[in-house]
Amino acid sequence: MSSHPAPIVVAGVCLRDDAGRVLSVRKAGTSRFMLPGGKLEPGETPAQAAVREVREEVGLDLAEVRLLGEFTSDTANEPGFVLESTVFTADLTGTPSASAEIAELRWIEPDATDADLAPLLRDHVLPALAARES
C-alpha cells in the first residue's frame, strides 16, 4: 500500500492579453503565482470547474474553454502533494479583477521562469504554450 497522499485534482485556465502575456493569480496567504482555477466540485467536469473558478476568482464569464493539456506537477502551496491538472485556454472576455481568495493578479511573459511561479505554470503550462506556437 502506498503512503503517498491522493493527488489534488484541479482545473485551470490560461488567459492572455493582447500582448500575449499570461494572467497569473496569487491566493491570499501564499507566495506563488498560478493560473486562475481550483479544485473540482462533486459532479463537475474539469471544463465546468475551470469556468466556475475563473468567474469566482477574477470575475470573468468565459464563453468556452479549449483543452491545452493534462499535467502532473508538485503543488505550489501543499508540500508533499501532487497536482493533477487539466489546463484550458480561453479568450479574454473582459478585464480581470481579484476576488474571492485572490490577493493579487499579475500578467507574466510566456517565457517567464520567475521563482515565485507555481511549478505547474512554470514547468508545464508555459512550455506547452510555447510548443503550441512554434
N, C-alpha and C. Protein backbone atom coordinates (compact mmCIF):
# COMPACT_ATOMS: atom_id res chain seq x y z
N MET A 1 0.85 -1.18 0.00
CA MET A 1 0.00 0.00 0.00
C MET A 1 0.89 1.24 0.00
N SER A 2 0.53 2.20 -0.84
CA SER A 2 1.34 3.41 -0.98
C SER A 2 1.08 4.37 0.16
N SER A 3 2.14 5.04 0.59
CA SER A 3 1.98 6.03 1.66
C SER A 3 1.81 7.43 1.10
N HIS A 4 1.76 7.54 -0.22
CA HIS A 4 1.61 8.85 -0.84
C HIS A 4 0.16 9.31 -0.73
N PRO A 5 -0.05 10.59 -0.41
CA PRO A 5 -1.41 11.10 -0.36
C PRO A 5 -2.03 11.12 -1.76
N ALA A 6 -3.34 11.09 -1.80
CA ALA A 6 -4.04 11.16 -3.09
C ALA A 6 -3.72 12.48 -3.77
N PRO A 7 -3.62 12.46 -5.11
CA PRO A 7 -3.33 13.71 -5.81
C PRO A 7 -4.48 14.72 -5.64
N ILE A 8 -4.14 15.98 -5.74
CA ILE A 8 -5.12 17.05 -5.72
C ILE A 8 -5.50 17.31 -7.18
N VAL A 9 -6.79 17.18 -7.50
CA VAL A 9 -7.26 17.30 -8.87
C VAL A 9 -7.85 18.70 -9.07
N VAL A 10 -7.31 19.42 -10.05
CA VAL A 10 -7.72 20.80 -10.29
C VAL A 10 -7.90 21.05 -11.78
N ALA A 11 -8.50 22.19 -12.08
CA ALA A 11 -8.60 22.69 -13.45
C ALA A 11 -8.17 24.14 -13.43
N GLY A 12 -7.48 24.56 -14.49
CA GLY A 12 -7.03 25.94 -14.59
C GLY A 12 -7.23 26.46 -15.99
N VAL A 13 -7.17 27.80 -16.11
CA VAL A 13 -7.38 28.44 -17.40
C VAL A 13 -6.25 29.42 -17.68
N CYS A 14 -5.73 29.32 -18.89
CA CYS A 14 -4.69 30.21 -19.37
C CYS A 14 -5.37 31.31 -20.18
N LEU A 15 -5.33 32.53 -19.65
CA LEU A 15 -5.89 33.70 -20.32
C LEU A 15 -4.75 34.61 -20.72
N ARG A 16 -4.81 35.15 -21.95
CA ARG A 16 -3.72 36.00 -22.44
C ARG A 16 -4.26 37.36 -22.87
N ASP A 17 -3.44 38.38 -22.65
CA ASP A 17 -3.83 39.73 -23.07
C ASP A 17 -3.37 39.97 -24.51
N ASP A 18 -3.63 41.18 -25.01
CA ASP A 18 -3.29 41.50 -26.40
C ASP A 18 -1.80 41.40 -26.67
N ALA A 19 -0.98 41.55 -25.63
CA ALA A 19 0.47 41.46 -25.79
C ALA A 19 0.98 40.02 -25.67
N GLY A 20 0.07 39.07 -25.43
CA GLY A 20 0.46 37.67 -25.32
C GLY A 20 0.85 37.23 -23.92
N ARG A 21 0.75 38.16 -22.96
CA ARG A 21 1.10 37.80 -21.58
C ARG A 21 0.01 36.90 -20.99
N VAL A 22 0.40 36.12 -19.98
CA VAL A 22 -0.49 35.14 -19.35
C VAL A 22 -0.92 35.67 -17.98
N LEU A 23 -2.21 35.57 -17.70
CA LEU A 23 -2.73 36.01 -16.40
C LEU A 23 -2.35 34.99 -15.33
N SER A 24 -1.74 35.48 -14.24
CA SER A 24 -1.48 34.62 -13.09
C SER A 24 -2.10 35.27 -11.86
N VAL A 25 -2.39 34.44 -10.87
CA VAL A 25 -3.03 34.92 -9.64
C VAL A 25 -2.28 34.37 -8.43
N ARG A 26 -2.32 35.15 -7.35
CA ARG A 26 -1.74 34.69 -6.09
C ARG A 26 -2.85 34.68 -5.05
N LYS A 27 -3.05 33.53 -4.44
CA LYS A 27 -4.09 33.41 -3.43
C LYS A 27 -3.62 34.02 -2.11
N ALA A 28 -4.56 34.54 -1.35
CA ALA A 28 -4.24 35.16 -0.07
C ALA A 28 -3.48 34.17 0.81
N GLY A 29 -2.43 34.64 1.48
CA GLY A 29 -1.66 33.80 2.38
C GLY A 29 -0.65 32.91 1.70
N THR A 30 -0.47 33.07 0.38
CA THR A 30 0.51 32.26 -0.34
C THR A 30 1.49 33.18 -1.07
N SER A 31 2.58 32.60 -1.56
CA SER A 31 3.61 33.40 -2.23
C SER A 31 3.75 33.06 -3.71
N ARG A 32 3.11 32.00 -4.18
CA ARG A 32 3.30 31.55 -5.55
C ARG A 32 2.17 32.03 -6.46
N PHE A 33 2.55 32.41 -7.69
CA PHE A 33 1.56 32.79 -8.69
C PHE A 33 1.23 31.57 -9.54
N MET A 34 -0.05 31.44 -9.88
CA MET A 34 -0.55 30.28 -10.63
C MET A 34 -1.65 30.74 -11.57
N LEU A 35 -2.16 29.81 -12.36
CA LEU A 35 -3.31 30.12 -13.20
C LEU A 35 -4.56 30.25 -12.35
N PRO A 36 -5.53 31.07 -12.78
CA PRO A 36 -6.82 31.02 -12.12
C PRO A 36 -7.40 29.61 -12.29
N GLY A 37 -8.01 29.10 -11.24
CA GLY A 37 -8.57 27.76 -11.28
C GLY A 37 -8.64 27.18 -9.89
N GLY A 38 -9.00 25.92 -9.80
CA GLY A 38 -9.09 25.29 -8.49
C GLY A 38 -9.66 23.90 -8.56
N LYS A 39 -10.01 23.39 -7.40
CA LYS A 39 -10.47 22.02 -7.27
C LYS A 39 -11.87 21.83 -7.86
N LEU A 40 -12.07 20.64 -8.40
CA LEU A 40 -13.38 20.30 -8.95
C LEU A 40 -14.36 20.04 -7.81
N GLU A 41 -15.61 20.46 -8.02
CA GLU A 41 -16.67 20.13 -7.08
C GLU A 41 -17.30 18.82 -7.53
N PRO A 42 -17.98 18.11 -6.60
CA PRO A 42 -18.58 16.82 -6.97
C PRO A 42 -19.48 16.96 -8.20
N GLY A 43 -19.27 16.07 -9.17
CA GLY A 43 -20.10 16.05 -10.37
C GLY A 43 -19.67 17.01 -11.45
N GLU A 44 -18.66 17.85 -11.19
CA GLU A 44 -18.20 18.81 -12.18
C GLU A 44 -17.19 18.18 -13.13
N THR A 45 -17.23 18.57 -14.39
CA THR A 45 -16.17 18.22 -15.32
C THR A 45 -15.04 19.23 -15.12
N PRO A 46 -13.83 18.91 -15.57
CA PRO A 46 -12.76 19.91 -15.48
C PRO A 46 -13.13 21.24 -16.17
N ALA A 47 -13.79 21.17 -17.33
CA ALA A 47 -14.16 22.40 -18.04
C ALA A 47 -15.15 23.22 -17.22
N GLN A 48 -16.13 22.57 -16.61
CA GLN A 48 -17.10 23.29 -15.78
C GLN A 48 -16.41 23.94 -14.59
N ALA A 49 -15.48 23.21 -13.97
CA ALA A 49 -14.76 23.76 -12.82
C ALA A 49 -13.91 24.95 -13.24
N ALA A 50 -13.27 24.86 -14.39
CA ALA A 50 -12.42 25.94 -14.87
C ALA A 50 -13.24 27.21 -15.08
N VAL A 51 -14.39 27.10 -15.73
CA VAL A 51 -15.25 28.25 -15.98
C VAL A 51 -15.74 28.85 -14.65
N ARG A 52 -16.16 27.99 -13.72
CA ARG A 52 -16.65 28.48 -12.42
C ARG A 52 -15.55 29.18 -11.65
N GLU A 53 -14.37 28.57 -11.61
CA GLU A 53 -13.27 29.16 -10.84
C GLU A 53 -12.85 30.51 -11.41
N VAL A 54 -12.79 30.63 -12.73
CA VAL A 54 -12.43 31.93 -13.33
C VAL A 54 -13.46 32.99 -12.97
N ARG A 55 -14.74 32.61 -12.99
CA ARG A 55 -15.79 33.56 -12.60
C ARG A 55 -15.60 33.98 -11.15
N GLU A 56 -15.34 33.01 -10.26
CA GLU A 56 -15.20 33.32 -8.83
C GLU A 56 -13.93 34.12 -8.53
N GLU A 57 -12.82 33.75 -9.17
CA GLU A 57 -11.52 34.33 -8.80
C GLU A 57 -11.21 35.65 -9.48
N VAL A 58 -11.58 35.79 -10.76
CA VAL A 58 -11.22 37.01 -11.47
C VAL A 58 -12.40 37.69 -12.16
N GLY A 59 -13.62 37.19 -11.91
CA GLY A 59 -14.82 37.88 -12.35
C GLY A 59 -15.11 37.85 -13.84
N LEU A 60 -14.57 36.87 -14.55
CA LEU A 60 -14.82 36.78 -15.99
C LEU A 60 -15.74 35.61 -16.31
N ASP A 61 -16.70 35.84 -17.21
CA ASP A 61 -17.56 34.77 -17.71
C ASP A 61 -17.00 34.31 -19.05
N LEU A 62 -16.54 33.07 -19.10
CA LEU A 62 -15.94 32.53 -20.31
C LEU A 62 -16.99 31.85 -21.18
N ALA A 63 -16.97 32.18 -22.46
CA ALA A 63 -17.92 31.57 -23.39
C ALA A 63 -17.56 30.12 -23.65
N GLU A 64 -16.26 29.83 -23.76
CA GLU A 64 -15.81 28.46 -24.00
C GLU A 64 -14.37 28.33 -23.55
N VAL A 65 -13.99 27.09 -23.27
CA VAL A 65 -12.59 26.80 -22.95
C VAL A 65 -12.12 25.70 -23.90
N ARG A 66 -10.81 25.74 -24.22
CA ARG A 66 -10.21 24.77 -25.12
C ARG A 66 -9.09 24.06 -24.37
N LEU A 67 -9.01 22.75 -24.51
CA LEU A 67 -8.02 21.97 -23.78
C LEU A 67 -6.60 22.32 -24.24
N LEU A 68 -5.74 22.67 -23.29
CA LEU A 68 -4.31 22.83 -23.57
C LEU A 68 -3.59 21.52 -23.27
N GLY A 69 -3.94 20.91 -22.14
CA GLY A 69 -3.31 19.65 -21.79
C GLY A 69 -3.62 19.23 -20.37
N GLU A 70 -3.17 18.02 -20.05
CA GLU A 70 -3.28 17.48 -18.68
C GLU A 70 -1.88 17.30 -18.16
N PHE A 71 -1.63 17.81 -16.95
CA PHE A 71 -0.28 17.85 -16.41
C PHE A 71 -0.26 17.36 -14.97
N THR A 72 0.86 16.76 -14.59
CA THR A 72 1.08 16.36 -13.20
C THR A 72 2.31 17.11 -12.72
N SER A 73 2.21 17.73 -11.56
CA SER A 73 3.33 18.50 -11.03
C SER A 73 3.27 18.51 -9.50
N ASP A 74 4.33 19.03 -8.90
CA ASP A 74 4.30 19.30 -7.47
C ASP A 74 3.31 20.43 -7.22
N THR A 75 2.70 20.42 -6.04
CA THR A 75 1.81 21.52 -5.69
C THR A 75 2.64 22.75 -5.34
N ALA A 76 2.01 23.91 -5.42
CA ALA A 76 2.71 25.16 -5.08
C ALA A 76 2.66 25.43 -3.59
N ASN A 77 1.54 25.07 -2.95
CA ASN A 77 1.30 25.51 -1.57
C ASN A 77 1.04 24.38 -0.58
N GLU A 78 1.03 23.12 -1.05
CA GLU A 78 0.78 21.99 -0.15
C GLU A 78 1.92 21.00 -0.27
N PRO A 79 2.99 21.20 0.52
CA PRO A 79 4.17 20.34 0.39
C PRO A 79 3.83 18.86 0.53
N GLY A 80 4.46 18.05 -0.33
CA GLY A 80 4.26 16.61 -0.26
C GLY A 80 3.10 16.11 -1.10
N PHE A 81 2.34 17.01 -1.68
CA PHE A 81 1.21 16.60 -2.51
C PHE A 81 1.54 16.78 -3.99
N VAL A 82 0.84 16.02 -4.82
CA VAL A 82 0.98 16.11 -6.26
C VAL A 82 -0.32 16.67 -6.83
N LEU A 83 -0.15 17.51 -7.85
CA LEU A 83 -1.29 18.14 -8.51
C LEU A 83 -1.55 17.43 -9.83
N GLU A 84 -2.79 17.05 -10.08
CA GLU A 84 -3.21 16.57 -11.39
C GLU A 84 -4.12 17.63 -11.96
N SER A 85 -3.66 18.30 -13.01
CA SER A 85 -4.36 19.47 -13.51
C SER A 85 -4.76 19.32 -14.96
N THR A 86 -5.99 19.72 -15.25
CA THR A 86 -6.45 19.87 -16.62
C THR A 86 -6.44 21.36 -16.91
N VAL A 87 -5.66 21.76 -17.92
CA VAL A 87 -5.50 23.18 -18.21
C VAL A 87 -6.13 23.51 -19.55
N PHE A 88 -6.86 24.60 -19.56
CA PHE A 88 -7.57 25.07 -20.74
C PHE A 88 -7.03 26.44 -21.15
N THR A 89 -7.28 26.81 -22.39
CA THR A 89 -7.09 28.18 -22.82
C THR A 89 -8.48 28.75 -23.09
N ALA A 90 -8.58 30.07 -23.02
CA ALA A 90 -9.86 30.73 -23.30
C ALA A 90 -9.57 32.15 -23.75
N ASP A 91 -10.52 32.71 -24.48
CA ASP A 91 -10.40 34.10 -24.91
C ASP A 91 -10.70 35.01 -23.72
N LEU A 92 -9.93 36.07 -23.60
CA LEU A 92 -10.15 37.05 -22.54
C LEU A 92 -11.45 37.79 -22.84
N THR A 93 -12.40 37.75 -21.90
CA THR A 93 -13.73 38.30 -22.14
C THR A 93 -13.99 39.60 -21.39
N GLY A 94 -12.95 40.21 -20.87
CA GLY A 94 -13.13 41.45 -20.12
C GLY A 94 -11.86 41.74 -19.35
N THR A 95 -11.98 42.59 -18.36
CA THR A 95 -10.83 42.95 -17.53
C THR A 95 -10.91 42.17 -16.23
N PRO A 96 -9.94 41.30 -15.96
CA PRO A 96 -9.99 40.51 -14.72
C PRO A 96 -9.74 41.39 -13.50
N SER A 97 -10.38 41.03 -12.40
CA SER A 97 -10.14 41.70 -11.13
C SER A 97 -10.11 40.65 -10.03
N ALA A 98 -9.22 40.84 -9.07
CA ALA A 98 -9.06 39.86 -7.99
C ALA A 98 -10.30 39.84 -7.11
N SER A 99 -10.82 38.64 -6.87
CA SER A 99 -11.94 38.48 -5.94
C SER A 99 -11.81 37.13 -5.26
N ALA A 100 -12.78 36.79 -4.42
CA ALA A 100 -12.72 35.56 -3.63
C ALA A 100 -11.40 35.52 -2.86
N GLU A 101 -10.64 34.41 -2.98
CA GLU A 101 -9.41 34.26 -2.20
C GLU A 101 -8.19 34.85 -2.89
N ILE A 102 -8.38 35.51 -4.03
CA ILE A 102 -7.24 36.04 -4.80
C ILE A 102 -6.77 37.37 -4.20
N ALA A 103 -5.47 37.41 -3.88
CA ALA A 103 -4.88 38.62 -3.29
C ALA A 103 -4.26 39.52 -4.35
N GLU A 104 -3.80 38.93 -5.47
CA GLU A 104 -3.06 39.72 -6.45
C GLU A 104 -3.13 39.06 -7.82
N LEU A 105 -3.22 39.90 -8.86
CA LEU A 105 -3.14 39.45 -10.25
C LEU A 105 -1.81 39.92 -10.81
N ARG A 106 -1.23 39.13 -11.71
CA ARG A 106 -0.01 39.57 -12.39
C ARG A 106 0.02 38.99 -13.79
N TRP A 107 0.27 39.85 -14.78
CA TRP A 107 0.46 39.39 -16.15
C TRP A 107 1.92 39.01 -16.30
N ILE A 108 2.19 37.81 -16.78
CA ILE A 108 3.57 37.35 -16.93
C ILE A 108 3.86 37.07 -18.40
N GLU A 109 5.13 37.23 -18.75
CA GLU A 109 5.56 36.91 -20.11
C GLU A 109 5.50 35.40 -20.29
N PRO A 110 5.19 34.93 -21.51
CA PRO A 110 5.08 33.48 -21.72
C PRO A 110 6.38 32.72 -21.53
N ASP A 111 7.52 33.42 -21.52
CA ASP A 111 8.78 32.73 -21.29
C ASP A 111 9.30 32.97 -19.87
N ALA A 112 8.43 33.39 -18.97
CA ALA A 112 8.84 33.68 -17.59
C ALA A 112 9.34 32.42 -16.89
N THR A 113 10.35 32.59 -16.04
CA THR A 113 10.86 31.49 -15.23
C THR A 113 10.99 31.94 -13.78
N ASP A 114 10.21 32.94 -13.39
CA ASP A 114 10.28 33.52 -12.05
C ASP A 114 10.18 32.44 -10.97
N ALA A 115 10.97 32.60 -9.93
CA ALA A 115 10.99 31.63 -8.84
C ALA A 115 9.67 31.57 -8.10
N ASP A 116 8.87 32.65 -8.16
CA ASP A 116 7.59 32.64 -7.43
C ASP A 116 6.42 32.14 -8.27
N LEU A 117 6.70 31.52 -9.42
CA LEU A 117 5.64 30.89 -10.19
C LEU A 117 5.43 29.47 -9.68
N ALA A 118 4.18 29.03 -9.67
CA ALA A 118 3.86 27.66 -9.29
C ALA A 118 4.53 26.69 -10.27
N PRO A 119 4.98 25.53 -9.76
CA PRO A 119 5.63 24.55 -10.65
C PRO A 119 4.80 24.18 -11.88
N LEU A 120 3.49 24.04 -11.72
CA LEU A 120 2.63 23.68 -12.85
C LEU A 120 2.74 24.74 -13.95
N LEU A 121 2.65 26.00 -13.57
CA LEU A 121 2.68 27.08 -14.54
C LEU A 121 4.06 27.19 -15.19
N ARG A 122 5.10 27.24 -14.38
CA ARG A 122 6.47 27.46 -14.87
C ARG A 122 6.99 26.27 -15.68
N ASP A 123 6.76 25.05 -15.19
CA ASP A 123 7.41 23.86 -15.76
C ASP A 123 6.57 23.13 -16.81
N HIS A 124 5.27 23.40 -16.86
CA HIS A 124 4.39 22.64 -17.75
C HIS A 124 3.56 23.52 -18.68
N VAL A 125 2.82 24.48 -18.11
CA VAL A 125 1.88 25.26 -18.92
C VAL A 125 2.62 26.20 -19.88
N LEU A 126 3.57 26.98 -19.37
CA LEU A 126 4.28 27.91 -20.25
C LEU A 126 5.03 27.18 -21.37
N PRO A 127 5.74 26.07 -21.06
CA PRO A 127 6.36 25.32 -22.16
C PRO A 127 5.35 24.76 -23.16
N ALA A 128 4.18 24.34 -22.69
CA ALA A 128 3.15 23.81 -23.60
C ALA A 128 2.63 24.91 -24.52
N LEU A 129 2.48 26.12 -23.98
CA LEU A 129 2.07 27.24 -24.83
C LEU A 129 3.13 27.53 -25.88
N ALA A 130 4.40 27.53 -25.46
CA ALA A 130 5.49 27.80 -26.39
C ALA A 130 5.54 26.75 -27.50
N ALA A 131 5.34 25.48 -27.13
CA ALA A 131 5.38 24.40 -28.11
C ALA A 131 4.24 24.54 -29.12
N ARG A 132 3.08 24.99 -28.63
CA ARG A 132 1.92 25.15 -29.50
C ARG A 132 2.16 26.25 -30.53
N GLU A 133 2.94 27.25 -30.15
CA GLU A 133 3.16 28.41 -31.02
C GLU A 133 4.34 28.25 -31.97
N SER A 134 5.18 27.24 -31.74
CA SER A 134 6.38 27.10 -32.58
C SER A 134 6.08 26.34 -33.85
